[in-house]
Amino acid sequence: MKINVGSTDRILRIIAGSAIVAAGFIFQTWWGVIGVIPIITGFVKTCPAYLPFGLSTCKVDKLKQ
């Protein structure tokens, strides 16, 4: 897959996802599970929502090998 998540975007996704998961635990709700999505996209460096629009936050276009 094509890498389309830059380093700043990646860090923000992981932090925001962790905060959502933590809020889910604190408020004891299943909505915290949604926080796993930005965490995964941050670690994988690919956002499926960016693909149809041709968006990329990477400085250099890289291919995952």
PDB file of N, CA and C in Angstrom:
ATOM      1  N   MET A   1       0.836  -1.188   0.000  1.00  0.00           N
ATOM      2  CA  MET A   1       0.000   0.000   0.000  1.00  0.00           C
ATOM      3  C   MET A   1       0.875   1.244   0.000  1.00  0.00           C
ATOM      4  N   LYS A   2       0.311   2.288  -0.514  1.00  0.00           N
ATOM      5  CA  LYS A   2       1.018   3.552  -0.596  1.00  0.00           C
ATOM      6  C   LYS A   2       0.977   4.276   0.752  1.00  0.00           C
ATOM      7  N   ILE A   3       2.111   4.771   1.182  1.00  0.00           N
ATOM      8  CA  ILE A   3       2.191   5.526   2.438  1.00  0.00           C
ATOM      9  C   ILE A   3       1.686   6.939   2.167  1.00  0.00           C
ATOM     10  N   ASN A   4       0.668   7.362   2.914  1.00  0.00           N
ATOM     11  CA  ASN A   4       0.108   8.695   2.696  1.00  0.00           C
ATOM     12  C   ASN A   4      -0.086   9.480   3.995  1.00  0.00           C
ATOM     13  N   VAL A   5       0.514   9.019   5.080  1.00  0.00           N
ATOM     14  CA  VAL A   5       0.412   9.709   6.371  1.00  0.00           C
ATOM     15  C   VAL A   5       1.801  10.178   6.771  1.00  0.00           C
ATOM     16  N   GLY A   6       1.976  11.485   6.874  1.00  0.00           N
ATOM     17  CA  GLY A   6       3.264  12.065   7.247  1.00  0.00           C
ATOM     18  C   GLY A   6       3.549  11.936   8.727  1.00  0.00           C
ATOM     19  N   SER A   7       4.735  12.381   9.130  1.00  0.00           N
ATOM     20  CA  SER A   7       5.170  12.189  10.517  1.00  0.00           C
ATOM     21  C   SER A   7       4.331  12.991  11.519  1.00  0.00           C
ATOM     22  N   THR A   8       4.001  14.247  11.203  1.00  0.00           N
ATOM     23  CA  THR A   8       3.187  15.047  12.124  1.00  0.00           C
ATOM     24  C   THR A   8       1.782  14.478  12.219  1.00  0.00           C
ATOM     25  N   ASP A   9       1.209  14.129  11.085  1.00  0.00           N
ATOM     26  CA  ASP A   9      -0.124  13.522  11.044  1.00  0.00           C
ATOM     27  C   ASP A   9      -0.133  12.212  11.828  1.00  0.00           C
ATOM     28  N   ARG A  10       0.921  11.447  11.681  1.00  0.00           N
ATOM     29  CA  ARG A  10       1.041  10.157  12.371  1.00  0.00           C
ATOM     30  C   ARG A  10       1.046  10.337  13.886  1.00  0.00           C
ATOM     31  N   ILE A  11       1.843  11.280  14.367  1.00  0.00           N
ATOM     32  CA  ILE A  11       1.931  11.527  15.809  1.00  0.00           C
ATOM     33  C   ILE A  11       0.589  11.997  16.356  1.00  0.00           C
ATOM     34  N   LEU A  12      -0.073  12.911  15.629  1.00  0.00           N
ATOM     35  CA  LEU A  12      -1.377  13.411  16.074  1.00  0.00           C
ATOM     36  C   LEU A  12      -2.425  12.307  16.096  1.00  0.00           C
ATOM     37  N   ARG A  13      -2.391  11.405  15.117  1.00  0.00           N
ATOM     38  CA  ARG A  13      -3.343  10.288  15.084  1.00  0.00           C
ATOM     39  C   ARG A  13      -3.152   9.368  16.295  1.00  0.00           C
ATOM     40  N   ILE A  14      -1.905   9.066  16.611  1.00  0.00           N
ATOM     41  CA  ILE A  14      -1.631   8.166  17.729  1.00  0.00           C
ATOM     42  C   ILE A  14      -2.043   8.814  19.051  1.00  0.00           C
ATOM     43  N   ILE A  15      -1.750  10.098  19.223  1.00  0.00           N
ATOM     44  CA  ILE A  15      -2.124  10.806  20.455  1.00  0.00           C
ATOM     45  C   ILE A  15      -3.647  10.913  20.569  1.00  0.00           C
ATOM     46  N   ALA A  16      -4.309  11.328  19.487  1.00  0.00           N
ATOM     47  CA  ALA A  16      -5.771  11.479  19.521  1.00  0.00           C
ATOM     48  C   ALA A  16      -6.447  10.129  19.740  1.00  0.00           C
ATOM     49  N   GLY A  17      -5.963   9.102  19.062  1.00  0.00           N
ATOM     50  CA  GLY A  17      -6.541   7.768  19.242  1.00  0.00           C
ATOM     51  C   GLY A  17      -6.389   7.271  20.664  1.00  0.00           C
ATOM     52  N   SER A  18      -5.223   7.514  21.253  1.00  0.00           N
ATOM     53  CA  SER A  18      -4.994   7.111  22.641  1.00  0.00           C
ATOM     54  C   SER A  18      -5.916   7.862  23.592  1.00  0.00           C
ATOM     55  N   ALA A  19      -6.141   9.147  23.325  1.00  0.00           N
ATOM     56  CA  ALA A  19      -7.043   9.942  24.162  1.00  0.00           C
ATOM     57  C   ALA A  19      -8.480   9.434  24.050  1.00  0.00           C
ATOM     58  N   ILE A  20      -8.899   9.054  22.852  1.00  0.00           N
ATOM     59  CA  ILE A  20     -10.263   8.537  22.663  1.00  0.00           C
ATOM     60  C   ILE A  20     -10.438   7.200  23.378  1.00  0.00           C
ATOM     61  N   VAL A  21      -9.422   6.337  23.269  1.00  0.00           N
ATOM     62  CA  VAL A  21      -9.484   5.050  23.967  1.00  0.00           C
ATOM     63  C   VAL A  21      -9.519   5.274  25.477  1.00  0.00           C
ATOM     64  N   ALA A  22      -8.693   6.195  25.976  1.00  0.00           N
ATOM     65  CA  ALA A  22      -8.677   6.486  27.414  1.00  0.00           C
ATOM     66  C   ALA A  22     -10.026   7.031  27.877  1.00  0.00           C
ATOM     67  N   ALA A  23     -10.628   7.920  27.082  1.00  0.00           N
ATOM     68  CA  ALA A  23     -11.943   8.456  27.437  1.00  0.00           C
ATOM     69  C   ALA A  23     -12.991   7.342  27.463  1.00  0.00           C
ATOM     70  N   GLY A  24     -12.859   6.394  26.555  1.00  0.00           N
ATOM     71  CA  GLY A  24     -13.779   5.254  26.549  1.00  0.00           C
ATOM     72  C   GLY A  24     -13.677   4.441  27.823  1.00  0.00           C
ATOM     73  N   PHE A  25     -12.441   4.255  28.310  1.00  0.00           N
ATOM     74  CA  PHE A  25     -12.265   3.531  29.569  1.00  0.00           C
ATOM     75  C   PHE A  25     -12.781   4.341  30.755  1.00  0.00           C
ATOM     76  N   ILE A  26     -12.483   5.629  30.762  1.00  0.00           N
ATOM     77  CA  ILE A  26     -12.885   6.478  31.888  1.00  0.00           C
ATOM     78  C   ILE A  26     -14.402   6.550  31.999  1.00  0.00           C
ATOM     79  N   PHE A  27     -15.074   6.769  30.866  1.00  0.00           N
ATOM     80  CA  PHE A  27     -16.534   6.906  30.876  1.00  0.00           C
ATOM     81  C   PHE A  27     -17.251   5.574  30.694  1.00  0.00           C
ATOM     82  N   GLN A  28     -16.496   4.500  30.620  1.00  0.00           N
ATOM     83  CA  GLN A  28     -17.013   3.141  30.490  1.00  0.00           C
ATOM     84  C   GLN A  28     -18.031   3.029  29.362  1.00  0.00           C
ATOM     85  N   THR A  29     -17.565   3.375  28.149  1.00  0.00           N
ATOM     86  CA  THR A  29     -18.403   3.307  26.972  1.00  0.00           C
ATOM     87  C   THR A  29     -17.641   2.622  25.833  1.00  0.00           C
ATOM     88  N   TRP A  30     -18.377   2.045  24.920  1.00  0.00           N
ATOM     89  CA  TRP A  30     -17.783   1.365  23.774  1.00  0.00           C
ATOM     90  C   TRP A  30     -17.266   2.343  22.725  1.00  0.00           C
ATOM     91  N   TRP A  31     -17.581   3.606  22.840  1.00  0.00           N
ATOM     92  CA  TRP A  31     -17.106   4.592  21.879  1.00  0.00           C
ATOM     93  C   TRP A  31     -15.589   4.692  21.875  1.00  0.00           C
ATOM     94  N   GLY A  32     -14.948   4.282  22.929  1.00  0.00           N
ATOM     95  CA  GLY A  32     -13.493   4.298  22.991  1.00  0.00           C
ATOM     96  C   GLY A  32     -12.849   3.366  21.982  1.00  0.00           C
ATOM     97  N   VAL A  33     -13.601   2.373  21.520  1.00  0.00           N
ATOM     98  CA  VAL A  33     -13.076   1.442  20.523  1.00  0.00           C
ATOM     99  C   VAL A  33     -12.777   2.168  19.207  1.00  0.00           C
ATOM    100  N   ILE A  34     -13.491   3.245  18.929  1.00  0.00           N
ATOM    101  CA  ILE A  34     -13.256   4.024  17.716  1.00  0.00           C
ATOM    102  C   ILE A  34     -11.840   4.609  17.715  1.00  0.00           C
ATOM    103  N   GLY A  35     -11.264   4.833  18.874  1.00  0.00           N
ATOM    104  CA  GLY A  35      -9.914   5.361  18.974  1.00  0.00           C
ATOM    105  C   GLY A  35      -8.847   4.429  18.428  1.00  0.00           C
ATOM    106  N   VAL A  36      -9.191   3.165  18.264  1.00  0.00           N
ATOM    107  CA  VAL A  36      -8.237   2.198  17.717  1.00  0.00           C
ATOM    108  C   VAL A  36      -7.953   2.505  16.243  1.00  0.00           C
ATOM    109  N   ILE A  37      -8.918   3.056  15.520  1.00  0.00           N
ATOM    110  CA  ILE A  37      -8.755   3.338  14.091  1.00  0.00           C
ATOM    111  C   ILE A  37      -7.623   4.334  13.834  1.00  0.00           C
ATOM    112  N   PRO A  38      -7.614   5.516  14.477  1.00  0.00           N
ATOM    113  CA  PRO A  38      -6.480   6.415  14.228  1.00  0.00           C
ATOM    114  C   PRO A  38      -5.145   5.854  14.711  1.00  0.00           C
ATOM    115  N   ILE A  39      -5.159   5.035  15.743  1.00  0.00           N
ATOM    116  CA  ILE A  39      -3.916   4.427  16.215  1.00  0.00           C
ATOM    117  C   ILE A  39      -3.359   3.485  15.142  1.00  0.00           C
ATOM    118  N   ILE A  40      -4.223   2.659  14.577  1.00  0.00           N
ATOM    119  CA  ILE A  40      -3.784   1.719  13.538  1.00  0.00           C
ATOM    120  C   ILE A  40      -3.283   2.465  12.311  1.00  0.00           C
ATOM    121  N   THR A  41      -4.037   3.474  11.858  1.00  0.00           N
ATOM    122  CA  THR A  41      -3.609   4.216  10.669  1.00  0.00           C
ATOM    123  C   THR A  41      -2.309   4.973  10.933  1.00  0.00           C
ATOM    124  N   GLY A  42      -2.076   5.370  12.172  1.00  0.00           N
ATOM    125  CA  GLY A  42      -0.819   6.029  12.515  1.00  0.00           C
ATOM    126  C   GLY A  42       0.366   5.083  12.449  1.00  0.00           C
ATOM    127  N   PHE A  43       0.185   3.861  12.925  1.00  0.00           N
ATOM    128  CA  PHE A  43       1.279   2.899  12.903  1.00  0.00           C
ATOM    129  C   PHE A  43       1.513   2.317  11.512  1.00  0.00           C
ATOM    130  N   VAL A  44       0.458   2.141  10.741  1.00  0.00           N
ATOM    131  CA  VAL A  44       0.576   1.560   9.400  1.00  0.00           C
ATOM    132  C   VAL A  44       1.013   2.614   8.377  1.00  0.00           C
ATOM    133  N   LYS A  45       0.833   3.887   8.706  1.00  0.00           N
ATOM    134  CA  LYS A  45       1.190   5.029   7.856  1.00  0.00           C
ATOM    135  C   LYS A  45       0.344   5.125   6.588  1.00  0.00           C
ATOM    136  N   THR A  46      -0.835   4.524   6.614  1.00  0.00           N
ATOM    137  CA  THR A  46      -1.745   4.580   5.478  1.00  0.00           C
ATOM    138  C   THR A  46      -3.141   4.873   5.986  1.00  0.00           C
ATOM    139  N   CYS A  47      -3.791   5.864   5.366  1.00  0.00           N
ATOM    140  CA  CYS A  47      -5.162   6.201   5.716  1.00  0.00           C
ATOM    141  C   CYS A  47      -6.064   5.886   4.515  1.00  0.00           C
ATOM    142  N   PRO A  48      -6.939   4.903   4.646  1.00  0.00           N
ATOM    143  CA  PRO A  48      -7.818   4.550   3.541  1.00  0.00           C
ATOM    144  C   PRO A  48      -8.738   5.702   3.112  1.00  0.00           C
ATOM    145  N   ALA A  49      -9.064   6.595   4.012  1.00  0.00           N
ATOM    146  CA  ALA A  49      -9.933   7.731   3.672  1.00  0.00           C
ATOM    147  C   ALA A  49      -9.223   8.735   2.760  1.00  0.00           C
ATOM    148  N   TYR A  50      -7.911   8.767   2.777  1.00  0.00           N
ATOM    149  CA  TYR A  50      -7.144   9.670   1.917  1.00  0.00           C
ATOM    150  C   TYR A  50      -7.072   9.160   0.472  1.00  0.00           C
ATOM    151  N   LEU A  51      -7.132   7.844   0.279  1.00  0.00           N
ATOM    152  CA  LEU A  51      -6.912   7.241  -1.035  1.00  0.00           C
ATOM    153  C   LEU A  51      -7.860   7.731  -2.126  1.00  0.00           C
ATOM    154  N   PRO A  52      -9.186   7.764  -1.914  1.00  0.00           N
ATOM    155  CA  PRO A  52     -10.070   8.191  -3.001  1.00  0.00           C
ATOM    156  C   PRO A  52      -9.862   9.645  -3.425  1.00  0.00           C
ATOM    157  N   PHE A  53      -9.358  10.463  -2.521  1.00  0.00           N
ATOM    158  CA  PHE A  53      -9.168  11.877  -2.802  1.00  0.00           C
ATOM    159  C   PHE A  53      -7.747  12.203  -3.259  1.00  0.00           C
ATOM    160  N   GLY A  54      -6.866  11.222  -3.212  1.00  0.00           N
ATOM    161  CA  GLY A  54      -5.481  11.441  -3.620  1.00  0.00           C
ATOM    162  C   GLY A  54      -4.701  12.305  -2.650  1.00  0.00           C
ATOM    163  N   LEU A  55      -5.119  12.344  -1.405  1.00  0.00           N
ATOM    164  CA  LEU A  55      -4.451  13.161  -0.397  1.00  0.00           C
ATOM    165  C   LEU A  55      -3.239  12.442   0.175  1.00  0.00           C
ATOM    166  N   SER A  56      -2.266  13.226   0.599  1.00  0.00           N
ATOM    167  CA  SER A  56      -1.096  12.692   1.265  1.00  0.00           C
ATOM    168  C   SER A  56      -0.498  13.795   2.132  1.00  0.00           C
ATOM    169  N   THR A  57      -0.089  13.437   3.344  1.00  0.00           N
ATOM    170  CA  THR A  57       0.566  14.403   4.221  1.00  0.00           C
ATOM    171  C   THR A  57       2.067  14.135   4.295  1.00  0.00           C
ATOM    172  N   CYS A  58       2.553  13.200   3.483  1.00  0.00           N
ATOM    173  CA  CYS A  58       3.992  12.916   3.421  1.00  0.00           C
ATOM    174  C   CYS A  58       4.686  14.005   2.620  1.00  0.00           C
ATOM    175  N   LYS A  59       5.903  14.329   3.020  1.00  0.00           N
ATOM    176  CA  LYS A  59       6.697  15.301   2.268  1.00  0.00           C
ATOM    177  C   LYS A  59       7.190  14.688   0.966  1.00  0.00           C
ATOM    178  N   VAL A  60       7.574  13.411   1.021  1.00  0.00           N
ATOM    179  CA  VAL A  60       8.075  12.705  -0.151  1.00  0.00           C
ATOM    180  C   VAL A  60       7.160  11.513  -0.394  1.00  0.00           C
ATOM    181  N   ASP A  61       6.783  11.298  -1.635  1.00  0.00           N
ATOM    182  CA  ASP A  61       5.929  10.166  -1.980  1.00  0.00           C
ATOM    183  C   ASP A  61       6.741   8.877  -1.856  1.00  0.00           C
ATOM    184  N   LYS A  62       6.347   8.000  -0.921  1.00  0.00           N
ATOM    185  CA  LYS A  62       7.077   6.757  -0.675  1.00  0.00           C
ATOM    186  C   LYS A  62       6.152   5.571  -0.913  1.00  0.00           C
ATOM    187  N   LEU A  63       6.732   4.471  -1.311  1.00  0.00           N
ATOM    188  CA  LEU A  63       5.988   3.234  -1.465  1.00  0.00           C
ATOM    189  C   LEU A  63       6.445   2.268  -0.395  1.00  0.00           C
ATOM    190  N   LYS A  64       5.471   1.587   0.214  1.00  0.00           N
ATOM    191  CA  LYS A  64       5.802   0.591   1.225  1.00  0.00           C
ATOM    192  C   LYS A  64       6.313  -0.648   0.503  1.00  0.00           C
ATOM    193  N   GLN A  65       7.463  -1.123   0.933  1.00  0.00           N
ATOM    194  CA  GLN A  65       8.057  -2.285   0.269  1.00  0.00           C
ATOM    195  C   GLN A  65       8.024  -3.485   1.157  1.00  0.00           C
TER     196      GLN A  65
END
